[in-house]
Amino acid sequence: MSRILRGLLLALAALLLFACRPKVTRFTFEPLDIGSDPVQTACENVPAWTFTRGGFHITVTPKAEYTLKGIVLSRKNYSGDRNAILSPCDVAMAWGRLADEDLLDRISWDQSGRWYWWRCPDGFPFDNSFIARYSANTHILPATPNVRRAVLRLKAGDRAALSGHLVFVDATDGTSQWWWHSSLSREDTGEGSCEVLFLKSLEVDGKVYE
């Protein structure tokens, strides 16, 4: 390979890498308060919207405005399941009393199949209900390509703020139907307890992506 061709290929690779980086919309210098519960307020005058994707006619209905501030426990990307036509990843986060790094360092976390799990050592001072109360696995529906690029760069340990709408998703391809409805409570557990978030804004390290 000639030196000129090698240089061109390296330049092209650099351009592609730059194109995949999210663009910072704005900066904020306010400290991120991860000690409080997520803020949820009922939607008013926010209409549902419909579109077609992956052969499905999809309706997305906003149910609540929602902001979660916390520590990222893990992020899991998905591409093979049906929900991946809307949601490229799930983000597990902790906040409030659980967002104590001395506690988090003692817990192991994992995600697969759109679920998240944890394992605590013997002698851990809190039970599973405490962990479930102050953590969540959130299914992410990015509102823009820029938000998608940003959320796919989240990593464990990041302090982040996720803002948007909790939504109900209903879809049909004419012969079959499926639905994906967000939890609207921080107290529930098990199937249906994850949040489905139409993510409009992501803040990490003082950078806001929209």
N, C-alpha and C. Protein backbone atom coordinates (compact mmCIF):
# COMPACT_ATOMS: atom_id res chain seq x y z
N MET A 1 0.84 -1.18 0.00
CA MET A 1 0.00 0.00 0.00
C MET A 1 0.89 1.25 0.00
N SER A 2 0.57 2.16 -0.92
CA SER A 2 1.39 3.37 -1.01
C SER A 2 1.16 4.27 0.19
N ARG A 3 2.14 5.15 0.43
CA ARG A 3 2.04 6.08 1.55
C ARG A 3 0.86 7.02 1.38
N ILE A 4 0.58 7.43 0.12
CA ILE A 4 -0.53 8.34 -0.14
C ILE A 4 -1.86 7.66 0.16
N LEU A 5 -2.02 6.40 -0.32
CA LEU A 5 -3.26 5.68 -0.08
C LEU A 5 -3.46 5.43 1.41
N ARG A 6 -2.38 5.08 2.12
CA ARG A 6 -2.48 4.85 3.56
C ARG A 6 -2.93 6.14 4.27
N GLY A 7 -2.39 7.26 3.84
CA GLY A 7 -2.78 8.53 4.43
C GLY A 7 -4.23 8.86 4.18
N LEU A 8 -4.71 8.57 2.97
CA LEU A 8 -6.11 8.82 2.64
C LEU A 8 -7.04 7.95 3.48
N LEU A 9 -6.66 6.68 3.66
CA LEU A 9 -7.48 5.78 4.46
C LEU A 9 -7.52 6.22 5.92
N LEU A 10 -6.39 6.67 6.44
CA LEU A 10 -6.36 7.15 7.81
C LEU A 10 -7.21 8.41 7.97
N ALA A 11 -7.16 9.29 6.97
CA ALA A 11 -7.96 10.51 7.02
C ALA A 11 -9.45 10.17 6.96
N LEU A 12 -9.81 9.19 6.11
CA LEU A 12 -11.20 8.78 6.01
C LEU A 12 -11.68 8.17 7.32
N ALA A 13 -10.85 7.34 7.94
CA ALA A 13 -11.22 6.74 9.22
C ALA A 13 -11.42 7.82 10.29
N ALA A 14 -10.57 8.84 10.28
CA ALA A 14 -10.70 9.93 11.25
C ALA A 14 -12.00 10.69 11.03
N LEU A 15 -12.36 10.91 9.76
CA LEU A 15 -13.61 11.61 9.46
C LEU A 15 -14.82 10.80 9.91
N LEU A 16 -14.78 9.49 9.70
CA LEU A 16 -15.89 8.64 10.12
C LEU A 16 -16.02 8.63 11.63
N LEU A 17 -14.89 8.58 12.32
CA LEU A 17 -14.92 8.61 13.77
C LEU A 17 -15.49 9.92 14.28
N PHE A 18 -15.11 11.02 13.65
CA PHE A 18 -15.63 12.34 14.05
C PHE A 18 -17.12 12.43 13.80
N ALA A 19 -17.58 11.85 12.67
CA ALA A 19 -18.99 11.91 12.33
C ALA A 19 -19.84 11.14 13.32
N CYS A 20 -19.26 10.12 13.97
CA CYS A 20 -20.00 9.30 14.92
C CYS A 20 -20.04 9.92 16.31
N ARG A 21 -19.27 10.96 16.53
CA ARG A 21 -19.25 11.59 17.84
C ARG A 21 -20.47 12.49 18.00
N PRO A 22 -21.10 12.47 19.16
CA PRO A 22 -22.26 13.37 19.37
C PRO A 22 -21.81 14.82 19.47
N LYS A 23 -22.68 15.71 19.09
CA LYS A 23 -22.40 17.14 19.17
C LYS A 23 -22.98 17.71 20.46
N VAL A 24 -22.16 18.43 21.20
CA VAL A 24 -22.62 19.06 22.43
C VAL A 24 -23.56 20.21 22.08
N THR A 25 -24.78 20.17 22.61
CA THR A 25 -25.75 21.22 22.35
C THR A 25 -25.47 22.46 23.18
N ARG A 26 -25.12 22.22 24.43
CA ARG A 26 -24.80 23.33 25.33
C ARG A 26 -24.05 22.77 26.54
N PHE A 27 -23.49 23.67 27.33
CA PHE A 27 -22.77 23.29 28.54
C PHE A 27 -23.55 23.80 29.76
N THR A 28 -23.40 23.09 30.86
CA THR A 28 -24.00 23.54 32.11
C THR A 28 -22.96 23.42 33.22
N PHE A 29 -23.00 24.37 34.11
CA PHE A 29 -22.04 24.37 35.22
C PHE A 29 -22.71 24.11 36.56
N GLU A 30 -23.98 23.71 36.51
CA GLU A 30 -24.69 23.38 37.74
C GLU A 30 -24.33 21.96 38.15
N PRO A 31 -24.06 21.74 39.44
CA PRO A 31 -23.74 20.39 39.89
C PRO A 31 -24.93 19.46 39.71
N LEU A 32 -24.64 18.21 39.39
CA LEU A 32 -25.69 17.22 39.15
C LEU A 32 -26.09 16.57 40.47
N ASP A 33 -27.33 16.80 40.88
CA ASP A 33 -27.83 16.27 42.15
C ASP A 33 -28.34 14.85 41.94
N ILE A 34 -27.56 13.86 42.37
CA ILE A 34 -27.97 12.46 42.20
C ILE A 34 -28.57 11.90 43.48
N GLY A 35 -28.79 12.76 44.46
CA GLY A 35 -29.30 12.30 45.74
C GLY A 35 -30.80 12.28 45.86
N SER A 36 -31.50 12.77 44.83
CA SER A 36 -32.96 12.86 44.88
C SER A 36 -33.61 11.84 43.96
N ASP A 37 -34.87 11.55 44.23
CA ASP A 37 -35.63 10.65 43.36
C ASP A 37 -35.83 11.27 41.98
N PRO A 38 -36.05 10.44 40.97
CA PRO A 38 -36.43 10.98 39.66
C PRO A 38 -37.67 11.85 39.77
N VAL A 39 -37.74 12.85 38.92
CA VAL A 39 -38.88 13.78 38.91
C VAL A 39 -39.84 13.37 37.80
N GLN A 40 -41.08 13.13 38.16
CA GLN A 40 -42.09 12.70 37.20
C GLN A 40 -43.35 13.55 37.37
N THR A 41 -43.82 14.11 36.26
CA THR A 41 -45.07 14.88 36.27
C THR A 41 -45.93 14.42 35.11
N ALA A 42 -47.24 14.38 35.34
CA ALA A 42 -48.16 13.92 34.31
C ALA A 42 -48.11 14.83 33.08
N CYS A 43 -48.20 14.22 31.91
CA CYS A 43 -48.20 15.00 30.67
C CYS A 43 -49.54 15.73 30.50
N GLU A 44 -49.45 16.92 29.99
CA GLU A 44 -50.64 17.67 29.64
C GLU A 44 -50.49 18.22 28.23
N ASN A 45 -51.48 17.96 27.40
CA ASN A 45 -51.51 18.49 26.03
C ASN A 45 -50.30 18.03 25.21
N VAL A 46 -49.83 16.81 25.46
CA VAL A 46 -48.76 16.23 24.64
C VAL A 46 -49.38 15.09 23.82
N PRO A 47 -49.63 15.32 22.54
CA PRO A 47 -50.33 14.31 21.75
C PRO A 47 -49.46 13.10 21.43
N ALA A 48 -50.11 11.98 21.18
CA ALA A 48 -49.41 10.80 20.69
C ALA A 48 -48.97 11.03 19.26
N TRP A 49 -48.00 10.26 18.80
CA TRP A 49 -47.60 10.35 17.41
C TRP A 49 -47.44 8.94 16.83
N THR A 50 -47.62 8.84 15.53
CA THR A 50 -47.58 7.55 14.85
C THR A 50 -46.58 7.60 13.72
N PHE A 51 -46.00 6.44 13.40
CA PHE A 51 -45.06 6.33 12.30
C PHE A 51 -44.91 4.85 11.96
N THR A 52 -44.26 4.56 10.87
CA THR A 52 -44.02 3.19 10.44
C THR A 52 -42.52 2.92 10.46
N ARG A 53 -42.15 1.79 11.08
CA ARG A 53 -40.74 1.40 11.13
C ARG A 53 -40.66 -0.11 11.28
N GLY A 54 -39.74 -0.71 10.54
CA GLY A 54 -39.56 -2.16 10.62
C GLY A 54 -40.79 -2.95 10.25
N GLY A 55 -41.63 -2.37 9.39
CA GLY A 55 -42.85 -3.06 8.98
C GLY A 55 -44.01 -2.90 9.95
N PHE A 56 -43.82 -2.16 11.04
CA PHE A 56 -44.87 -1.97 12.04
C PHE A 56 -45.41 -0.54 11.99
N HIS A 57 -46.71 -0.43 12.17
CA HIS A 57 -47.34 0.87 12.38
C HIS A 57 -47.33 1.11 13.88
N ILE A 58 -46.64 2.15 14.33
CA ILE A 58 -46.32 2.33 15.74
C ILE A 58 -46.97 3.62 16.26
N THR A 59 -47.57 3.53 17.44
CA THR A 59 -48.10 4.69 18.14
C THR A 59 -47.36 4.85 19.46
N VAL A 60 -46.84 6.05 19.69
CA VAL A 60 -46.13 6.36 20.93
C VAL A 60 -46.95 7.40 21.68
N THR A 61 -47.35 7.06 22.91
CA THR A 61 -48.19 7.94 23.71
C THR A 61 -47.43 8.41 24.95
N PRO A 62 -47.10 9.69 25.05
CA PRO A 62 -46.44 10.20 26.26
C PRO A 62 -47.37 10.11 27.47
N LYS A 63 -46.83 9.64 28.58
CA LYS A 63 -47.61 9.52 29.81
C LYS A 63 -47.13 10.45 30.91
N ALA A 64 -45.84 10.79 30.90
CA ALA A 64 -45.31 11.64 31.96
C ALA A 64 -44.00 12.27 31.51
N GLU A 65 -43.78 13.51 31.95
CA GLU A 65 -42.45 14.09 31.81
C GLU A 65 -41.57 13.50 32.90
N TYR A 66 -40.30 13.27 32.57
CA TYR A 66 -39.46 12.48 33.48
C TYR A 66 -38.01 12.92 33.38
N THR A 67 -37.38 13.07 34.53
CA THR A 67 -35.94 13.34 34.59
C THR A 67 -35.32 12.45 35.66
N LEU A 68 -34.32 11.70 35.26
CA LEU A 68 -33.58 10.82 36.16
C LEU A 68 -32.14 11.29 36.23
N LYS A 69 -31.66 11.56 37.44
CA LYS A 69 -30.27 11.94 37.67
C LYS A 69 -29.63 10.89 38.57
N GLY A 70 -28.54 10.31 38.10
CA GLY A 70 -27.93 9.26 38.90
C GLY A 70 -26.60 8.81 38.34
N ILE A 71 -26.13 7.68 38.84
CA ILE A 71 -24.88 7.07 38.41
C ILE A 71 -25.20 5.90 37.49
N VAL A 72 -24.54 5.86 36.34
CA VAL A 72 -24.72 4.75 35.41
C VAL A 72 -24.08 3.49 35.99
N LEU A 73 -24.88 2.43 36.11
CA LEU A 73 -24.38 1.15 36.59
C LEU A 73 -23.87 0.30 35.45
N SER A 74 -24.59 0.32 34.35
CA SER A 74 -24.17 -0.39 33.14
C SER A 74 -25.06 0.05 31.99
N ARG A 75 -24.58 -0.23 30.77
CA ARG A 75 -25.36 0.03 29.56
C ARG A 75 -25.27 -1.22 28.69
N LYS A 76 -26.40 -1.63 28.16
CA LYS A 76 -26.45 -2.81 27.30
C LYS A 76 -27.07 -2.44 25.96
N ASN A 77 -26.34 -2.67 24.89
CA ASN A 77 -26.85 -2.40 23.55
C ASN A 77 -27.63 -3.61 23.03
N TYR A 78 -28.66 -3.34 22.22
CA TYR A 78 -29.48 -4.39 21.63
C TYR A 78 -29.67 -4.12 20.14
N SER A 79 -29.66 -5.19 19.37
CA SER A 79 -29.88 -5.04 17.93
C SER A 79 -30.75 -6.15 17.35
N GLY A 80 -30.90 -7.27 18.06
CA GLY A 80 -31.59 -8.41 17.49
C GLY A 80 -33.03 -8.56 17.91
N ASP A 81 -33.46 -7.89 18.96
CA ASP A 81 -34.84 -8.07 19.40
C ASP A 81 -35.77 -7.08 18.70
N ARG A 82 -37.05 -7.35 18.76
CA ARG A 82 -38.05 -6.52 18.07
C ARG A 82 -38.02 -5.08 18.56
N ASN A 83 -37.79 -4.91 19.86
CA ASN A 83 -37.80 -3.56 20.43
C ASN A 83 -36.63 -2.71 19.96
N ALA A 84 -35.62 -3.35 19.39
CA ALA A 84 -34.44 -2.61 18.94
C ALA A 84 -34.74 -1.69 17.76
N ILE A 85 -35.89 -1.87 17.11
CA ILE A 85 -36.23 -0.94 16.03
C ILE A 85 -36.51 0.46 16.61
N LEU A 86 -36.75 0.52 17.92
CA LEU A 86 -36.97 1.79 18.59
C LEU A 86 -35.88 2.11 19.60
N SER A 87 -35.39 1.08 20.28
CA SER A 87 -34.50 1.28 21.43
C SER A 87 -33.18 0.56 21.22
N PRO A 88 -32.09 1.31 20.99
CA PRO A 88 -30.79 0.67 20.75
C PRO A 88 -30.10 0.20 22.02
N CYS A 89 -30.59 0.62 23.20
CA CYS A 89 -29.90 0.24 24.43
C CYS A 89 -30.80 0.43 25.64
N ASP A 90 -30.40 -0.24 26.72
CA ASP A 90 -30.96 0.00 28.05
C ASP A 90 -29.85 0.60 28.92
N VAL A 91 -30.23 1.46 29.84
CA VAL A 91 -29.28 2.05 30.78
C VAL A 91 -29.77 1.78 32.20
N ALA A 92 -28.94 1.10 32.99
CA ALA A 92 -29.25 0.87 34.40
C ALA A 92 -28.57 1.95 35.22
N MET A 93 -29.33 2.57 36.14
CA MET A 93 -28.81 3.67 36.93
C MET A 93 -29.26 3.56 38.38
N ALA A 94 -28.49 4.17 39.28
CA ALA A 94 -28.83 4.26 40.69
C ALA A 94 -28.84 5.71 41.11
N TRP A 95 -29.63 6.01 42.14
CA TRP A 95 -29.73 7.38 42.63
C TRP A 95 -29.99 7.35 44.13
N GLY A 96 -30.11 8.52 44.71
CA GLY A 96 -30.51 8.63 46.10
C GLY A 96 -29.59 7.88 47.05
N ARG A 97 -30.16 7.16 48.01
CA ARG A 97 -29.39 6.50 49.05
C ARG A 97 -28.48 5.41 48.50
N LEU A 98 -28.81 4.87 47.32
CA LEU A 98 -27.97 3.83 46.73
C LEU A 98 -26.77 4.41 45.98
N ALA A 99 -26.82 5.72 45.67
CA ALA A 99 -25.76 6.34 44.88
C ALA A 99 -24.54 6.65 45.74
N ASP A 100 -24.32 5.85 46.74
CA ASP A 100 -23.13 5.93 47.59
C ASP A 100 -22.11 4.97 47.01
N GLU A 101 -20.98 5.49 46.57
CA GLU A 101 -20.01 4.64 45.88
C GLU A 101 -19.52 3.51 46.76
N ASP A 102 -19.50 3.70 48.07
CA ASP A 102 -19.09 2.60 48.95
C ASP A 102 -20.08 1.44 48.87
N LEU A 103 -21.37 1.76 48.67
CA LEU A 103 -22.37 0.70 48.49
C LEU A 103 -22.28 0.10 47.10
N LEU A 104 -22.21 0.97 46.08
CA LEU A 104 -22.22 0.48 44.70
C LEU A 104 -21.03 -0.41 44.41
N ASP A 105 -19.89 -0.11 45.00
CA ASP A 105 -18.70 -0.91 44.74
C ASP A 105 -18.82 -2.34 45.29
N ARG A 106 -19.80 -2.56 46.14
CA ARG A 106 -19.98 -3.89 46.72
C ARG A 106 -21.01 -4.72 45.96
N ILE A 107 -21.64 -4.12 44.97
CA ILE A 107 -22.69 -4.81 44.21
C ILE A 107 -22.18 -5.06 42.79
N SER A 108 -22.45 -6.24 42.25
CA SER A 108 -22.16 -6.52 40.84
C SER A 108 -23.45 -6.43 40.05
N TRP A 109 -23.35 -5.84 38.86
CA TRP A 109 -24.53 -5.57 38.03
C TRP A 109 -24.39 -6.26 36.68
N ASP A 110 -25.53 -6.62 36.09
CA ASP A 110 -25.52 -7.24 34.77
C ASP A 110 -26.83 -6.91 34.07
N GLN A 111 -26.80 -6.95 32.73
CA GLN A 111 -27.99 -6.71 31.91
C GLN A 111 -28.02 -7.72 30.77
N SER A 112 -29.20 -8.21 30.45
CA SER A 112 -29.41 -9.02 29.25
C SER A 112 -30.91 -9.21 29.07
N GLY A 113 -31.32 -9.43 27.84
CA GLY A 113 -32.73 -9.70 27.57
C GLY A 113 -33.67 -8.60 28.02
N ARG A 114 -33.19 -7.36 28.06
CA ARG A 114 -33.96 -6.19 28.49
C ARG A 114 -34.27 -6.20 30.00
N TRP A 115 -33.48 -6.95 30.77
CA TRP A 115 -33.58 -6.97 32.22
C TRP A 115 -32.25 -6.54 32.81
N TYR A 116 -32.27 -6.21 34.11
CA TYR A 116 -31.01 -6.02 34.81
C TYR A 116 -31.04 -6.81 36.12
N TRP A 117 -29.85 -7.21 36.57
CA TRP A 117 -29.71 -8.01 37.77
C TRP A 117 -28.59 -7.45 38.63
N TRP A 118 -28.62 -7.84 39.90
CA TRP A 118 -27.52 -7.47 40.79
C TRP A 118 -27.21 -8.64 41.73
N ARG A 119 -26.03 -8.60 42.27
CA ARG A 119 -25.62 -9.60 43.25
C ARG A 119 -24.89 -8.89 44.37
N CYS A 120 -25.32 -9.16 45.58
CA CYS A 120 -24.72 -8.53 46.76
C CYS A 120 -23.93 -9.56 47.56
N PRO A 121 -22.89 -9.12 48.23
CA PRO A 121 -22.11 -10.05 49.06
C PRO A 121 -22.81 -10.34 50.38
N ASP A 122 -22.37 -11.39 51.04
CA ASP A 122 -22.89 -11.67 52.38
C ASP A 122 -22.61 -10.48 53.29
N GLY A 123 -23.58 -10.16 54.10
CA GLY A 123 -23.41 -9.06 55.02
C GLY A 123 -23.76 -7.71 54.46
N PHE A 124 -24.28 -7.65 53.23
CA PHE A 124 -24.68 -6.36 52.67
C PHE A 124 -25.81 -5.79 53.52
N PRO A 125 -25.74 -4.50 53.88
CA PRO A 125 -26.66 -3.97 54.90
C PRO A 125 -28.09 -3.72 54.45
N PHE A 126 -28.40 -3.89 53.14
CA PHE A 126 -29.75 -3.61 52.66
C PHE A 126 -30.27 -4.79 51.86
N ASP A 127 -31.60 -4.91 51.78
CA ASP A 127 -32.20 -6.02 51.05
C ASP A 127 -32.49 -5.63 49.61
N ASN A 128 -33.05 -6.58 48.85
CA ASN A 128 -33.32 -6.36 47.43
C ASN A 128 -34.33 -5.24 47.20
N SER A 129 -35.28 -5.07 48.10
CA SER A 129 -36.29 -4.03 47.91
C SER A 129 -35.65 -2.64 47.96
N PHE A 130 -34.63 -2.48 48.78
CA PHE A 130 -33.92 -1.20 48.85
C PHE A 130 -33.21 -0.92 47.52
N ILE A 131 -32.54 -1.93 46.97
CA ILE A 131 -31.83 -1.74 45.70
C ILE A 131 -32.82 -1.45 44.59
N ALA A 132 -33.94 -2.18 44.56
CA ALA A 132 -34.95 -1.95 43.52
C ALA A 132 -35.56 -0.56 43.64
N ARG A 133 -35.67 -0.05 44.86
CA ARG A 133 -36.28 1.27 45.07
C ARG A 133 -35.40 2.40 44.55
N TYR A 134 -34.09 2.22 44.60
CA TYR A 134 -33.17 3.30 44.23
C TYR A 134 -32.34 2.98 42.98
N SER A 135 -32.86 2.11 42.15
CA SER A 135 -32.20 1.84 40.87
C SER A 135 -33.26 1.49 39.84
N ALA A 136 -32.88 1.55 38.58
CA ALA A 136 -33.84 1.25 37.51
C ALA A 136 -33.11 0.86 36.24
N ASN A 137 -33.77 0.03 35.47
CA ASN A 137 -33.32 -0.29 34.11
C ASN A 137 -34.23 0.46 33.15
N THR A 138 -33.67 1.35 32.37
CA THR A 138 -34.47 2.22 31.51
C THR A 138 -34.25 1.87 30.05
N HIS A 139 -35.34 1.58 29.35
CA HIS A 139 -35.29 1.33 27.91
C HIS A 139 -35.26 2.69 27.20
N ILE A 140 -34.23 2.92 26.40
CA ILE A 140 -34.01 4.24 25.81
C ILE A 140 -34.52 4.29 24.37
N LEU A 141 -35.42 5.26 24.11
CA LEU A 141 -35.86 5.58 22.76
C LEU A 141 -35.32 6.98 22.43
N PRO A 142 -34.21 7.07 21.72
CA PRO A 142 -33.61 8.39 21.47
C PRO A 142 -34.52 9.26 20.60
N ALA A 143 -34.62 10.53 20.97
CA ALA A 143 -35.46 11.46 20.21
C ALA A 143 -34.78 11.95 18.94
N THR A 144 -33.45 11.97 18.94
CA THR A 144 -32.70 12.47 17.78
C THR A 144 -31.48 11.58 17.54
N PRO A 145 -30.92 11.62 16.33
CA PRO A 145 -29.68 10.87 16.08
C PRO A 145 -28.54 11.31 17.00
N ASN A 146 -28.51 12.60 17.34
CA ASN A 146 -27.44 13.08 18.22
C ASN A 146 -27.57 12.49 19.62
N VAL A 147 -28.81 12.43 20.15
CA VAL A 147 -29.03 11.82 21.45
C VAL A 147 -28.66 10.33 21.39
N ARG A 148 -28.98 9.68 20.30
CA ARG A 148 -28.63 8.25 20.14
C ARG A 148 -27.12 8.07 20.22
N ARG A 149 -26.38 8.90 19.50
CA ARG A 149 -24.92 8.78 19.54
C ARG A 149 -24.38 9.01 20.95
N ALA A 150 -24.98 9.97 21.65
CA ALA A 150 -24.51 10.30 23.00
C ALA A 150 -24.81 9.18 23.99
N VAL A 151 -26.02 8.65 23.95
CA VAL A 151 -26.39 7.64 24.95
C VAL A 151 -25.61 6.35 24.73
N LEU A 152 -25.23 6.06 23.49
CA LEU A 152 -24.45 4.86 23.21
C LEU A 152 -22.99 4.98 23.64
N ARG A 153 -22.62 6.14 24.17
CA ARG A 153 -21.28 6.33 24.71
C ARG A 153 -21.26 6.32 26.24
N LEU A 154 -22.44 6.19 26.87
CA LEU A 154 -22.47 6.13 28.32
C LEU A 154 -21.73 4.89 28.81
N LYS A 155 -21.10 5.05 29.96
CA LYS A 155 -20.37 3.92 30.55
C LYS A 155 -20.57 3.90 32.06
N ALA A 156 -20.31 2.76 32.66
CA ALA A 156 -20.46 2.61 34.10
C ALA A 156 -19.63 3.65 34.84
N GLY A 157 -20.25 4.26 35.83
CA GLY A 157 -19.58 5.29 36.62
C GLY A 157 -19.90 6.70 36.19
N ASP A 158 -20.44 6.88 34.99
CA ASP A 158 -20.83 8.23 34.55
C ASP A 158 -21.95 8.76 35.44
N ARG A 159 -21.87 10.04 35.76
CA ARG A 159 -22.98 10.73 36.41
C ARG A 159 -23.77 11.43 35.31
N ALA A 160 -25.03 11.08 35.19
CA ALA A 160 -25.81 11.52 34.02
C ALA A 160 -27.21 11.93 34.44
N ALA A 161 -27.81 12.77 33.59
CA ALA A 161 -29.20 13.17 33.73
C ALA A 161 -29.92 12.83 32.43
N LEU A 162 -30.98 12.04 32.52
CA LEU A 162 -31.79 11.65 31.38
C LEU A 162 -33.14 12.34 31.49
N SER A 163 -33.54 13.05 30.44
CA SER A 163 -34.81 13.78 30.48
C SER A 163 -35.62 13.51 29.22
N GLY A 164 -36.92 13.37 29.40
CA GLY A 164 -37.80 13.16 28.26
C GLY A 164 -39.19 12.80 28.72
N HIS A 165 -39.82 11.85 28.02
CA HIS A 165 -41.17 11.40 28.35
C HIS A 165 -41.19 9.90 28.57
N LEU A 166 -41.84 9.48 29.65
CA LEU A 166 -42.19 8.07 29.78
C LEU A 166 -43.36 7.81 28.84
N VAL A 167 -43.26 6.70 28.09
CA VAL A 167 -44.23 6.50 27.00
C VAL A 167 -44.80 5.09 27.01
N PHE A 168 -45.97 4.98 26.39
CA PHE A 168 -46.57 3.69 26.05
C PHE A 168 -46.39 3.53 24.54
N VAL A 169 -45.87 2.38 24.13
CA VAL A 169 -45.68 2.07 22.71
C VAL A 169 -46.65 0.94 22.34
N ASP A 170 -47.42 1.15 21.28
CA ASP A 170 -48.32 0.12 20.76
C ASP A 170 -48.06 0.00 19.26
N ALA A 171 -47.94 -1.25 18.77
CA ALA A 171 -47.54 -1.45 17.38
C ALA A 171 -48.29 -2.63 16.77
N THR A 172 -48.50 -2.57 15.46
CA THR A 172 -49.10 -3.66 14.72
C THR A 172 -48.53 -3.71 13.31
N ASP A 173 -48.43 -4.91 12.77
CA ASP A 173 -48.03 -5.06 11.36
C ASP A 173 -49.20 -5.53 10.52
N GLY A 174 -50.40 -5.44 11.07
CA GLY A 174 -51.60 -5.86 10.36
C GLY A 174 -52.06 -7.25 10.72
N THR A 175 -51.14 -8.10 11.16
CA THR A 175 -51.50 -9.46 11.54
C THR A 175 -51.18 -9.76 13.00
N SER A 176 -50.23 -9.06 13.55
CA SER A 176 -49.86 -9.25 14.95
C SER A 176 -49.68 -7.90 15.63
N GLN A 177 -49.74 -7.93 16.94
CA GLN A 177 -49.60 -6.70 17.71
C GLN A 177 -48.58 -6.91 18.83
N TRP A 178 -47.95 -5.81 19.24
CA TRP A 178 -47.12 -5.86 20.43
C TRP A 178 -47.15 -4.49 21.10
N TRP A 179 -46.83 -4.51 22.36
CA TRP A 179 -46.85 -3.25 23.11
C TRP A 179 -45.68 -3.23 24.08
N TRP A 180 -45.32 -2.01 24.48
CA TRP A 180 -44.20 -1.78 25.40
C TRP A 180 -44.58 -0.57 26.24
N HIS A 181 -45.06 -0.81 27.44
CA HIS A 181 -45.60 0.26 28.27
C HIS A 181 -44.66 0.54 29.43
N SER A 182 -44.34 1.81 29.62
CA SER A 182 -43.44 2.22 30.68
C SER A 182 -44.07 2.04 32.05
N SER A 183 -43.24 1.69 33.01
CA SER A 183 -43.65 1.81 34.40
C SER A 183 -43.81 3.30 34.72
N LEU A 184 -44.74 3.59 35.61
CA LEU A 184 -44.94 4.96 36.07
C LEU A 184 -44.72 5.06 37.58
N SER A 185 -43.99 4.08 38.12
CA SER A 185 -43.74 4.03 39.56
C SER A 185 -42.30 3.63 39.82
N ARG A 186 -41.73 4.10 40.92
CA ARG A 186 -40.41 3.67 41.34
C ARG A 186 -40.50 2.55 42.36
N GLU A 187 -41.70 2.13 42.69
CA GLU A 187 -41.90 1.15 43.74
C GLU A 187 -42.12 -0.27 43.21
N ASP A 188 -42.40 -0.42 41.91
CA ASP A 188 -42.74 -1.74 41.39
C ASP A 188 -41.49 -2.55 41.06
N THR A 189 -41.68 -3.86 40.91
CA THR A 189 -40.59 -4.77 40.57
C THR A 189 -41.12 -5.81 39.59
N GLY A 190 -40.20 -6.55 38.97
CA GLY A 190 -40.59 -7.62 38.07
C GLY A 190 -40.98 -7.12 36.69
N GLU A 191 -41.70 -7.96 35.97
CA GLU A 191 -42.08 -7.63 34.60
C GLU A 191 -42.93 -6.37 34.56
N GLY A 192 -42.59 -5.46 33.64
CA GLY A 192 -43.33 -4.22 33.50
C GLY A 192 -42.84 -3.10 34.40
N SER A 193 -41.78 -3.36 35.17
CA SER A 193 -41.32 -2.34 36.12
C SER A 193 -40.25 -1.41 35.54
N CYS A 194 -39.78 -1.69 34.34
CA CYS A 194 -38.77 -0.82 33.72
C CYS A 194 -39.44 0.41 33.11
N GLU A 195 -38.67 1.49 33.05
CA GLU A 195 -39.15 2.71 32.40
C GLU A 195 -38.84 2.65 30.90
N VAL A 196 -39.78 3.09 30.10
CA VAL A 196 -39.58 3.25 28.65
C VAL A 196 -39.52 4.74 28.40
N LEU A 197 -38.33 5.23 28.08
CA LEU A 197 -38.08 6.68 28.06
C LEU A 197 -37.79 7.17 26.66
N PHE A 198 -38.63 8.07 26.18
CA PHE A 198 -38.34 8.81 24.95
C PHE A 198 -37.36 9.91 25.36
N LEU A 199 -36.08 9.67 25.08
CA LEU A 199 -35.01 10.50 25.63
C LEU A 199 -34.77 11.72 24.75
N LYS A 200 -35.08 12.90 25.30
CA LYS A 200 -34.92 14.14 24.56
C LYS A 200 -33.63 14.87 24.89
N SER A 201 -33.09 14.64 26.09
CA SER A 201 -31.90 15.35 26.52
C SER A 201 -31.06 14.46 27.42
N LEU A 202 -29.75 14.48 27.22
CA LEU A 202 -28.81 13.72 28.04
C LEU A 202 -27.70 14.65 28.50
N GLU A 203 -27.45 14.67 29.81
CA GLU A 203 -26.36 15.47 30.37
C GLU A 203 -25.32 14.54 30.99
N VAL A 204 -24.06 14.74 30.60
CA VAL A 204 -22.94 13.99 31.16
C VAL A 204 -21.75 14.94 31.29
N ASP A 205 -21.15 14.99 32.46
CA ASP A 205 -19.94 15.80 32.68
C ASP A 205 -20.11 17.25 32.22
N GLY A 206 -21.28 17.82 32.51
CA GLY A 206 -21.52 19.21 32.16
C GLY A 206 -21.84 19.45 30.71
N LYS A 207 -21.90 18.41 29.92
CA LYS A 207 -22.24 18.52 28.49
C LYS A 207 -23.66 18.03 28.28
N VAL A 208 -24.44 18.81 27.53
CA VAL A 208 -25.83 18.45 27.26
C VAL A 208 -25.97 18.13 25.78
N TYR A 209 -26.61 17.00 25.52
CA TYR A 209 -26.83 16.54 24.14
C TYR A 209 -28.34 16.48 23.89
N GLU A 210 -28.77 17.09 22.79
CA GLU A 210 -30.19 17.11 22.45
C GLU A 210 -30.37 16.77 20.98
